[in-house]
């Protein structure tokens, strides 16, 4: 999918996670983008994944190999890729109103990004074979929830075929 996006001059934005310990105010700010199926999440302790300068925060080696100097790399501070960075501004500057969504943890981060972006006025297309979760049932839940919240769900093959 990445080469196809480059060939079609579609900007590629990679989002890296860096989860800090949150203040009470920050928790309230992000609660509206927390998927309801996760219940109430307490991040008052030091997070166990995505810590700055750890392996858990790095891009997977295969992803890193796909990256190009012209790609945009942003850091997210919570599940949604739009939280506490300038992703919304960058997309608006580029005149983008429909985003192709892929990523890790379909039922958490990917779905949170879709919820948040929809609230910001973006349309979402989830490339379901470019996402995953540790468990298939969680991946399927993320896809179901994204579809229920208005995202178009397609595969890479469907995307490529549609553009022929």
N, C-alpha and C. Protein backbone atom coordinates (compact mmCIF):
# COMPACT_ATOMS: atom_id res chain seq x y z
N UNK A 1 0.81 -1.19 0.00
CA UNK A 1 0.00 0.00 0.00
C UNK A 1 0.86 1.26 0.00
N UNK A 2 1.98 1.24 0.70
CA UNK A 2 2.84 2.42 0.79
C UNK A 2 3.34 2.83 -0.60
N UNK A 3 3.88 1.91 -1.40
CA UNK A 3 4.32 2.33 -2.75
C UNK A 3 3.16 2.89 -3.59
N UNK A 4 1.98 2.30 -3.45
CA UNK A 4 0.82 2.78 -4.19
C UNK A 4 0.50 4.22 -3.79
N UNK A 5 0.53 4.50 -2.49
CA UNK A 5 0.27 5.87 -2.03
C UNK A 5 1.30 6.84 -2.60
N UNK A 6 2.57 6.45 -2.58
CA UNK A 6 3.61 7.33 -3.14
C UNK A 6 3.39 7.56 -4.63
N UNK A 7 3.09 6.50 -5.36
CA UNK A 7 2.86 6.63 -6.81
C UNK A 7 1.67 7.51 -7.12
N UNK A 8 0.70 7.56 -6.21
CA UNK A 8 -0.50 8.37 -6.41
C UNK A 8 -0.43 9.70 -5.67
N UNK A 9 0.76 10.06 -5.22
CA UNK A 9 1.01 11.33 -4.53
C UNK A 9 0.10 11.56 -3.32
N UNK A 10 -0.16 10.46 -2.60
CA UNK A 10 -0.93 10.53 -1.36
C UNK A 10 0.08 10.65 -0.22
N UNK A 11 0.00 11.71 0.57
CA UNK A 11 0.95 11.88 1.67
C UNK A 11 0.88 10.72 2.66
N UNK A 12 2.04 10.33 3.15
CA UNK A 12 2.12 9.26 4.14
C UNK A 12 2.54 9.87 5.46
N UNK A 13 1.73 9.62 6.46
CA UNK A 13 2.00 10.13 7.81
C UNK A 13 2.14 8.94 8.74
N UNK A 14 3.33 8.82 9.33
CA UNK A 14 3.60 7.76 10.30
C UNK A 14 3.42 8.37 11.69
N UNK A 15 2.77 7.65 12.56
CA UNK A 15 2.50 8.16 13.90
C UNK A 15 3.17 7.25 14.93
N UNK A 16 3.99 7.87 15.75
CA UNK A 16 4.75 7.16 16.78
C UNK A 16 4.11 7.46 18.13
N UNK A 17 3.98 6.46 18.97
CA UNK A 17 3.35 6.63 20.28
C UNK A 17 4.39 7.01 21.35
N UNK A 18 3.99 7.91 22.22
CA UNK A 18 4.79 8.29 23.39
C UNK A 18 3.80 8.61 24.50
N UNK A 19 3.48 7.61 25.31
CA UNK A 19 2.44 7.77 26.32
C UNK A 19 3.02 8.26 27.64
N UNK A 20 2.71 9.48 28.01
CA UNK A 20 3.18 10.00 29.29
C UNK A 20 2.21 9.65 30.42
N UNK A 21 2.62 9.89 31.64
CA UNK A 21 1.69 9.82 32.76
C UNK A 21 0.79 11.04 32.64
N UNK A 22 -0.50 10.85 32.80
CA UNK A 22 -1.46 11.93 32.57
C UNK A 22 -1.90 12.61 33.85
N UNK A 23 -2.14 13.92 33.73
CA UNK A 23 -2.73 14.66 34.84
C UNK A 23 -4.23 14.43 34.83
N UNK A 24 -4.91 14.83 35.87
CA UNK A 24 -6.37 14.68 35.95
C UNK A 24 -7.05 15.42 34.80
N UNK A 25 -6.58 16.63 34.50
CA UNK A 25 -7.17 17.43 33.43
C UNK A 25 -6.98 16.75 32.07
N UNK A 26 -5.79 16.20 31.86
CA UNK A 26 -5.53 15.51 30.60
C UNK A 26 -6.40 14.27 30.45
N UNK A 27 -6.61 13.55 31.53
CA UNK A 27 -7.47 12.38 31.49
C UNK A 27 -8.89 12.76 31.07
N UNK A 28 -9.40 13.85 31.61
CA UNK A 28 -10.75 14.29 31.25
C UNK A 28 -10.81 14.69 29.79
N UNK A 29 -9.75 15.33 29.30
CA UNK A 29 -9.69 15.78 27.91
C UNK A 29 -9.74 14.61 26.94
N UNK A 30 -9.06 13.52 27.27
CA UNK A 30 -8.99 12.39 26.34
C UNK A 30 -10.12 11.39 26.52
N UNK A 31 -10.83 11.44 27.62
CA UNK A 31 -11.85 10.43 27.91
C UNK A 31 -12.88 10.31 26.79
N UNK A 32 -13.20 11.41 26.11
CA UNK A 32 -14.22 11.35 25.05
C UNK A 32 -13.74 10.59 23.82
N UNK A 33 -12.43 10.37 23.70
CA UNK A 33 -11.90 9.62 22.55
C UNK A 33 -11.52 8.20 22.93
N UNK A 34 -11.81 7.81 24.15
CA UNK A 34 -11.51 6.46 24.60
C UNK A 34 -12.66 5.55 24.19
N UNK A 35 -12.39 4.53 23.40
CA UNK A 35 -13.47 3.63 22.99
C UNK A 35 -14.22 3.07 24.19
N UNK A 36 -15.53 3.07 24.12
CA UNK A 36 -16.36 2.65 25.24
C UNK A 36 -16.12 1.19 25.62
N UNK A 37 -15.73 0.37 24.67
CA UNK A 37 -15.51 -1.04 24.99
C UNK A 37 -14.26 -1.26 25.85
N UNK A 38 -13.46 -0.22 26.05
CA UNK A 38 -12.29 -0.35 26.91
C UNK A 38 -12.61 -0.05 28.36
N UNK A 39 -13.80 0.45 28.62
CA UNK A 39 -14.18 0.78 29.99
C UNK A 39 -13.43 2.02 30.46
N UNK A 40 -13.25 2.14 31.75
CA UNK A 40 -12.53 3.30 32.28
C UNK A 40 -11.07 2.92 32.44
N UNK A 41 -10.25 3.61 31.73
CA UNK A 41 -8.82 3.31 31.73
C UNK A 41 -8.10 4.27 32.66
N UNK A 42 -7.31 3.74 33.53
CA UNK A 42 -6.56 4.58 34.47
C UNK A 42 -5.09 4.56 34.09
N UNK A 43 -4.60 5.69 33.62
CA UNK A 43 -3.21 5.80 33.24
C UNK A 43 -2.46 6.67 34.26
N UNK A 44 -2.80 6.51 35.53
CA UNK A 44 -2.18 7.33 36.56
C UNK A 44 -0.79 6.81 36.92
N UNK A 45 -0.53 5.56 36.58
CA UNK A 45 0.79 4.99 36.82
C UNK A 45 1.60 5.10 35.54
N UNK A 46 2.87 4.83 35.65
CA UNK A 46 3.73 4.87 34.48
C UNK A 46 3.24 3.85 33.46
N UNK A 47 3.06 4.26 32.20
CA UNK A 47 2.57 3.31 31.21
C UNK A 47 3.57 2.18 30.98
N UNK A 48 3.07 1.04 30.54
CA UNK A 48 3.93 -0.12 30.35
C UNK A 48 4.32 -0.33 28.90
N UNK A 49 3.78 0.44 27.99
CA UNK A 49 4.18 0.34 26.59
C UNK A 49 4.37 1.75 26.04
N UNK A 50 5.03 1.82 24.93
CA UNK A 50 5.20 3.08 24.23
C UNK A 50 5.95 4.14 25.05
N UNK A 51 6.86 3.70 25.91
CA UNK A 51 7.64 4.64 26.70
C UNK A 51 8.74 5.25 25.83
N UNK A 52 8.95 6.54 25.98
CA UNK A 52 9.96 7.24 25.21
C UNK A 52 11.31 6.55 25.33
N UNK A 53 11.99 6.44 24.20
CA UNK A 53 13.33 5.86 24.12
C UNK A 53 13.40 4.39 24.52
N UNK A 54 12.30 3.66 24.32
CA UNK A 54 12.32 2.22 24.54
C UNK A 54 11.95 1.50 23.24
N UNK A 55 12.24 0.23 23.18
CA UNK A 55 11.91 -0.57 22.01
C UNK A 55 10.40 -0.53 21.72
N UNK A 56 9.59 -0.51 22.76
CA UNK A 56 8.14 -0.49 22.60
C UNK A 56 7.60 0.75 21.91
N UNK A 57 8.43 1.78 21.82
CA UNK A 57 8.00 3.01 21.16
C UNK A 57 8.46 3.05 19.70
N UNK A 58 9.37 2.21 19.34
CA UNK A 58 9.94 2.26 18.00
C UNK A 58 9.00 1.67 16.94
N UNK A 59 9.19 2.11 15.70
CA UNK A 59 8.47 1.50 14.59
C UNK A 59 9.02 0.09 14.38
N UNK A 60 8.15 -0.81 13.94
CA UNK A 60 8.61 -2.15 13.61
C UNK A 60 9.65 -2.04 12.49
N UNK A 61 10.66 -2.92 12.49
CA UNK A 61 11.71 -2.84 11.47
C UNK A 61 11.17 -2.84 10.03
N UNK A 62 10.15 -3.67 9.75
CA UNK A 62 9.60 -3.69 8.39
C UNK A 62 8.93 -2.37 8.03
N UNK A 63 8.32 -1.72 9.00
CA UNK A 63 7.71 -0.41 8.76
C UNK A 63 8.81 0.63 8.52
N UNK A 64 9.83 0.57 9.33
CA UNK A 64 10.94 1.52 9.21
C UNK A 64 11.54 1.47 7.81
N UNK A 65 11.64 0.26 7.25
CA UNK A 65 12.18 0.10 5.89
C UNK A 65 11.32 0.77 4.84
N UNK A 66 10.05 0.93 5.10
CA UNK A 66 9.13 1.55 4.14
C UNK A 66 9.16 3.07 4.18
N UNK A 67 9.73 3.62 5.23
CA UNK A 67 9.69 5.06 5.43
C UNK A 67 10.61 5.78 4.45
N UNK A 68 10.22 7.00 4.11
CA UNK A 68 10.94 7.83 3.14
C UNK A 68 11.18 9.20 3.76
N UNK A 69 12.22 9.88 3.32
CA UNK A 69 12.54 11.19 3.89
C UNK A 69 11.44 12.22 3.66
N UNK A 70 10.56 12.00 2.69
CA UNK A 70 9.47 12.94 2.44
C UNK A 70 8.21 12.65 3.25
N UNK A 71 8.19 11.51 3.94
CA UNK A 71 7.05 11.17 4.79
C UNK A 71 7.03 12.08 6.02
N UNK A 72 5.87 12.19 6.60
CA UNK A 72 5.70 12.98 7.82
C UNK A 72 5.67 12.01 9.01
N UNK A 73 6.42 12.34 10.04
CA UNK A 73 6.42 11.52 11.26
C UNK A 73 5.94 12.39 12.40
N UNK A 74 4.88 11.94 13.06
CA UNK A 74 4.32 12.66 14.21
C UNK A 74 4.34 11.76 15.44
N UNK A 75 4.26 12.38 16.58
CA UNK A 75 4.16 11.64 17.83
C UNK A 75 2.77 11.86 18.41
N UNK A 76 2.14 10.76 18.83
CA UNK A 76 0.86 10.87 19.50
C UNK A 76 1.08 10.64 20.99
N UNK A 77 0.24 11.24 21.79
CA UNK A 77 0.39 11.14 23.24
C UNK A 77 -0.67 10.26 23.89
N UNK A 78 -1.53 9.70 23.06
CA UNK A 78 -2.59 8.84 23.57
C UNK A 78 -3.06 7.96 22.44
N UNK A 79 -4.09 7.19 22.63
CA UNK A 79 -4.52 6.24 21.62
C UNK A 79 -4.81 6.89 20.28
N UNK A 80 -5.52 8.00 20.27
CA UNK A 80 -5.84 8.69 19.02
C UNK A 80 -4.60 9.34 18.43
N UNK A 81 -4.43 9.18 17.12
CA UNK A 81 -3.31 9.81 16.43
C UNK A 81 -3.44 11.33 16.39
N UNK A 82 -4.61 11.85 16.73
CA UNK A 82 -4.84 13.30 16.70
C UNK A 82 -4.58 13.98 18.05
N UNK A 83 -4.26 13.20 19.06
CA UNK A 83 -4.16 13.77 20.41
C UNK A 83 -2.82 14.45 20.65
N UNK A 84 -2.91 15.76 20.97
CA UNK A 84 -1.76 16.55 21.40
C UNK A 84 -0.62 16.61 20.39
N UNK A 85 -0.99 16.83 19.12
CA UNK A 85 0.00 17.09 18.08
C UNK A 85 -0.68 17.94 17.00
N UNK A 86 -0.04 18.13 15.88
CA UNK A 86 -0.61 18.99 14.85
C UNK A 86 -1.11 18.21 13.63
N UNK A 87 -1.52 16.97 13.82
CA UNK A 87 -2.02 16.16 12.71
C UNK A 87 -3.21 16.82 12.02
N UNK A 88 -4.16 17.29 12.79
CA UNK A 88 -5.34 17.95 12.20
C UNK A 88 -4.91 19.13 11.33
N UNK A 89 -4.04 19.97 11.84
CA UNK A 89 -3.57 21.13 11.07
C UNK A 89 -2.85 20.71 9.79
N UNK A 90 -2.01 19.71 9.88
CA UNK A 90 -1.27 19.24 8.70
C UNK A 90 -2.23 18.73 7.62
N UNK A 91 -3.22 17.94 8.03
CA UNK A 91 -4.19 17.43 7.05
C UNK A 91 -4.97 18.56 6.40
N UNK A 92 -5.39 19.52 7.19
CA UNK A 92 -6.14 20.66 6.64
C UNK A 92 -5.28 21.51 5.72
N UNK A 93 -4.02 21.71 6.08
CA UNK A 93 -3.09 22.46 5.22
C UNK A 93 -2.94 21.78 3.85
N UNK A 94 -2.97 20.45 3.84
CA UNK A 94 -2.82 19.69 2.60
C UNK A 94 -4.15 19.51 1.87
N UNK A 95 -5.24 20.02 2.44
CA UNK A 95 -6.55 19.91 1.81
C UNK A 95 -7.12 18.50 1.86
N UNK A 96 -6.72 17.73 2.84
CA UNK A 96 -7.17 16.34 2.97
C UNK A 96 -8.40 16.29 3.86
N UNK A 97 -9.46 15.63 3.38
CA UNK A 97 -10.66 15.47 4.21
C UNK A 97 -11.08 14.01 4.36
N UNK A 98 -10.40 13.11 3.65
CA UNK A 98 -10.66 11.68 3.77
C UNK A 98 -9.33 11.00 4.03
N UNK A 99 -9.24 10.27 5.12
CA UNK A 99 -7.97 9.63 5.46
C UNK A 99 -8.07 8.12 5.35
N UNK A 100 -6.98 7.53 4.87
CA UNK A 100 -6.83 6.08 4.86
C UNK A 100 -6.19 5.71 6.18
N UNK A 101 -6.84 4.86 6.94
CA UNK A 101 -6.38 4.53 8.28
C UNK A 101 -5.86 3.10 8.33
N UNK A 102 -4.68 2.95 8.94
CA UNK A 102 -4.11 1.64 9.20
C UNK A 102 -3.37 1.74 10.52
N UNK A 103 -2.95 0.63 11.07
CA UNK A 103 -2.18 0.73 12.30
C UNK A 103 -2.27 -0.50 13.19
N UNK A 104 -1.68 -0.34 14.36
CA UNK A 104 -1.60 -1.40 15.35
C UNK A 104 -2.70 -1.20 16.39
N UNK A 105 -3.24 -2.28 16.87
CA UNK A 105 -4.32 -2.29 17.87
C UNK A 105 -5.61 -1.71 17.27
N UNK A 106 -6.17 -2.48 16.35
CA UNK A 106 -7.39 -2.06 15.64
C UNK A 106 -8.48 -1.60 16.60
N UNK A 107 -8.66 -2.33 17.68
CA UNK A 107 -9.77 -2.06 18.60
C UNK A 107 -9.47 -0.92 19.58
N UNK A 108 -8.25 -0.42 19.60
CA UNK A 108 -7.89 0.64 20.54
C UNK A 108 -7.42 1.87 19.77
N UNK A 109 -6.18 1.86 19.33
CA UNK A 109 -5.59 3.05 18.70
C UNK A 109 -6.23 3.40 17.36
N UNK A 110 -6.41 2.40 16.52
CA UNK A 110 -7.01 2.66 15.21
C UNK A 110 -8.44 3.18 15.38
N UNK A 111 -9.20 2.51 16.20
CA UNK A 111 -10.59 2.93 16.42
C UNK A 111 -10.66 4.31 17.08
N UNK A 112 -9.80 4.58 18.05
CA UNK A 112 -9.79 5.90 18.69
C UNK A 112 -9.47 7.00 17.69
N UNK A 113 -8.55 6.71 16.78
CA UNK A 113 -8.20 7.68 15.74
C UNK A 113 -9.41 7.95 14.84
N UNK A 114 -10.13 6.92 14.50
CA UNK A 114 -11.33 7.08 13.65
C UNK A 114 -12.39 7.91 14.38
N UNK A 115 -12.64 7.61 15.65
CA UNK A 115 -13.61 8.39 16.42
C UNK A 115 -13.22 9.87 16.47
N UNK A 116 -11.97 10.12 16.78
CA UNK A 116 -11.49 11.49 16.94
C UNK A 116 -11.52 12.24 15.61
N UNK A 117 -11.06 11.59 14.55
CA UNK A 117 -11.02 12.26 13.25
C UNK A 117 -12.42 12.57 12.74
N UNK A 118 -13.35 11.67 13.01
CA UNK A 118 -14.74 11.92 12.60
C UNK A 118 -15.29 13.16 13.31
N UNK A 119 -14.98 13.28 14.60
CA UNK A 119 -15.43 14.46 15.34
C UNK A 119 -14.81 15.75 14.79
N UNK A 120 -13.61 15.62 14.23
CA UNK A 120 -12.93 16.78 13.65
C UNK A 120 -13.39 17.06 12.21
N UNK A 121 -14.27 16.21 11.68
CA UNK A 121 -14.84 16.46 10.36
C UNK A 121 -14.21 15.68 9.23
N UNK A 122 -13.35 14.73 9.51
CA UNK A 122 -12.72 13.93 8.47
C UNK A 122 -13.55 12.68 8.19
N UNK A 123 -13.47 12.20 6.95
CA UNK A 123 -14.04 10.91 6.59
C UNK A 123 -12.93 9.89 6.71
N UNK A 124 -13.30 8.66 7.03
CA UNK A 124 -12.31 7.61 7.28
C UNK A 124 -12.54 6.40 6.40
N UNK A 125 -11.45 5.88 5.85
CA UNK A 125 -11.45 4.60 5.17
C UNK A 125 -10.45 3.72 5.90
N UNK A 126 -10.93 2.67 6.51
CA UNK A 126 -10.09 1.75 7.26
C UNK A 126 -9.65 0.62 6.32
N UNK A 127 -8.35 0.47 6.16
CA UNK A 127 -7.80 -0.61 5.35
C UNK A 127 -7.60 -1.79 6.30
N UNK A 128 -8.58 -2.69 6.32
CA UNK A 128 -8.63 -3.69 7.39
C UNK A 128 -7.50 -4.70 7.38
N UNK A 129 -6.88 -4.93 6.25
CA UNK A 129 -5.74 -5.86 6.24
C UNK A 129 -4.41 -5.14 6.48
N UNK A 130 -4.49 -3.86 6.80
CA UNK A 130 -3.30 -3.09 7.20
C UNK A 130 -3.40 -2.69 8.66
N UNK A 131 -4.20 -3.43 9.41
CA UNK A 131 -4.38 -3.22 10.85
C UNK A 131 -4.35 -4.58 11.52
N UNK A 132 -4.11 -4.56 12.81
CA UNK A 132 -4.23 -5.81 13.55
C UNK A 132 -4.23 -5.54 15.04
N UNK A 133 -4.63 -6.54 15.78
CA UNK A 133 -4.59 -6.55 17.24
C UNK A 133 -3.97 -7.88 17.65
N UNK A 134 -3.61 -7.99 18.91
CA UNK A 134 -3.03 -9.25 19.38
C UNK A 134 -3.97 -10.42 19.18
N UNK A 135 -5.25 -10.18 19.39
CA UNK A 135 -6.25 -11.24 19.26
C UNK A 135 -7.20 -10.91 18.09
N UNK A 136 -7.53 -11.93 17.33
CA UNK A 136 -8.40 -11.74 16.17
C UNK A 136 -9.75 -11.15 16.58
N UNK A 137 -10.29 -11.60 17.73
CA UNK A 137 -11.59 -11.07 18.16
C UNK A 137 -11.51 -9.58 18.44
N UNK A 138 -10.38 -9.09 18.93
CA UNK A 138 -10.23 -7.65 19.17
C UNK A 138 -10.10 -6.89 17.85
N UNK A 139 -9.37 -7.45 16.90
CA UNK A 139 -9.26 -6.86 15.57
C UNK A 139 -10.66 -6.74 14.94
N UNK A 140 -11.41 -7.83 15.00
CA UNK A 140 -12.76 -7.83 14.43
C UNK A 140 -13.68 -6.85 15.15
N UNK A 141 -13.52 -6.72 16.46
CA UNK A 141 -14.31 -5.74 17.21
C UNK A 141 -14.00 -4.32 16.74
N UNK A 142 -12.72 -4.02 16.55
CA UNK A 142 -12.33 -2.70 16.06
C UNK A 142 -12.93 -2.39 14.70
N UNK A 143 -12.92 -3.37 13.81
CA UNK A 143 -13.51 -3.19 12.48
C UNK A 143 -15.01 -2.97 12.60
N UNK A 144 -15.68 -3.78 13.41
CA UNK A 144 -17.12 -3.64 13.61
C UNK A 144 -17.47 -2.25 14.16
N UNK A 145 -16.72 -1.81 15.19
CA UNK A 145 -16.99 -0.51 15.80
C UNK A 145 -16.71 0.62 14.81
N UNK A 146 -15.64 0.53 14.05
CA UNK A 146 -15.31 1.56 13.06
C UNK A 146 -16.42 1.66 12.01
N UNK A 147 -16.89 0.51 11.52
CA UNK A 147 -17.99 0.50 10.54
C UNK A 147 -19.24 1.12 11.16
N UNK A 148 -19.53 0.76 12.40
CA UNK A 148 -20.72 1.30 13.09
C UNK A 148 -20.64 2.81 13.25
N UNK A 149 -19.42 3.34 13.32
CA UNK A 149 -19.23 4.78 13.47
C UNK A 149 -18.95 5.49 12.15
N UNK A 150 -19.29 4.84 11.04
CA UNK A 150 -19.28 5.52 9.75
C UNK A 150 -18.05 5.36 8.89
N UNK A 151 -17.06 4.59 9.33
CA UNK A 151 -15.88 4.40 8.50
C UNK A 151 -16.19 3.43 7.37
N UNK A 152 -15.64 3.70 6.21
CA UNK A 152 -15.70 2.75 5.10
C UNK A 152 -14.62 1.70 5.37
N UNK A 153 -14.98 0.43 5.27
CA UNK A 153 -14.04 -0.65 5.55
C UNK A 153 -13.73 -1.36 4.24
N UNK A 154 -12.43 -1.39 3.88
CA UNK A 154 -12.02 -2.06 2.64
C UNK A 154 -10.69 -2.79 2.88
N UNK A 155 -10.31 -3.59 1.90
CA UNK A 155 -9.01 -4.25 1.92
C UNK A 155 -8.06 -3.51 0.98
N UNK A 156 -6.79 -3.84 1.08
CA UNK A 156 -5.81 -3.25 0.17
C UNK A 156 -6.16 -3.59 -1.27
N UNK A 157 -6.53 -4.83 -1.54
CA UNK A 157 -6.90 -5.22 -2.90
C UNK A 157 -8.07 -4.40 -3.43
N UNK A 158 -9.05 -4.15 -2.59
CA UNK A 158 -10.21 -3.34 -3.01
C UNK A 158 -9.79 -1.91 -3.32
N UNK A 159 -8.89 -1.36 -2.52
CA UNK A 159 -8.38 -0.01 -2.76
C UNK A 159 -7.65 0.06 -4.09
N UNK A 160 -6.77 -0.88 -4.31
CA UNK A 160 -5.98 -0.88 -5.54
C UNK A 160 -6.87 -1.13 -6.77
N UNK A 161 -7.82 -2.04 -6.66
CA UNK A 161 -8.72 -2.34 -7.78
C UNK A 161 -9.60 -1.14 -8.13
N UNK A 162 -10.06 -0.45 -7.10
CA UNK A 162 -10.92 0.72 -7.29
C UNK A 162 -10.19 1.84 -8.03
N UNK A 163 -8.87 1.86 -7.94
CA UNK A 163 -8.10 2.95 -8.54
C UNK A 163 -7.57 2.60 -9.93
N UNK A 164 -7.84 1.39 -10.41
CA UNK A 164 -7.34 1.00 -11.74
C UNK A 164 -8.07 1.71 -12.85
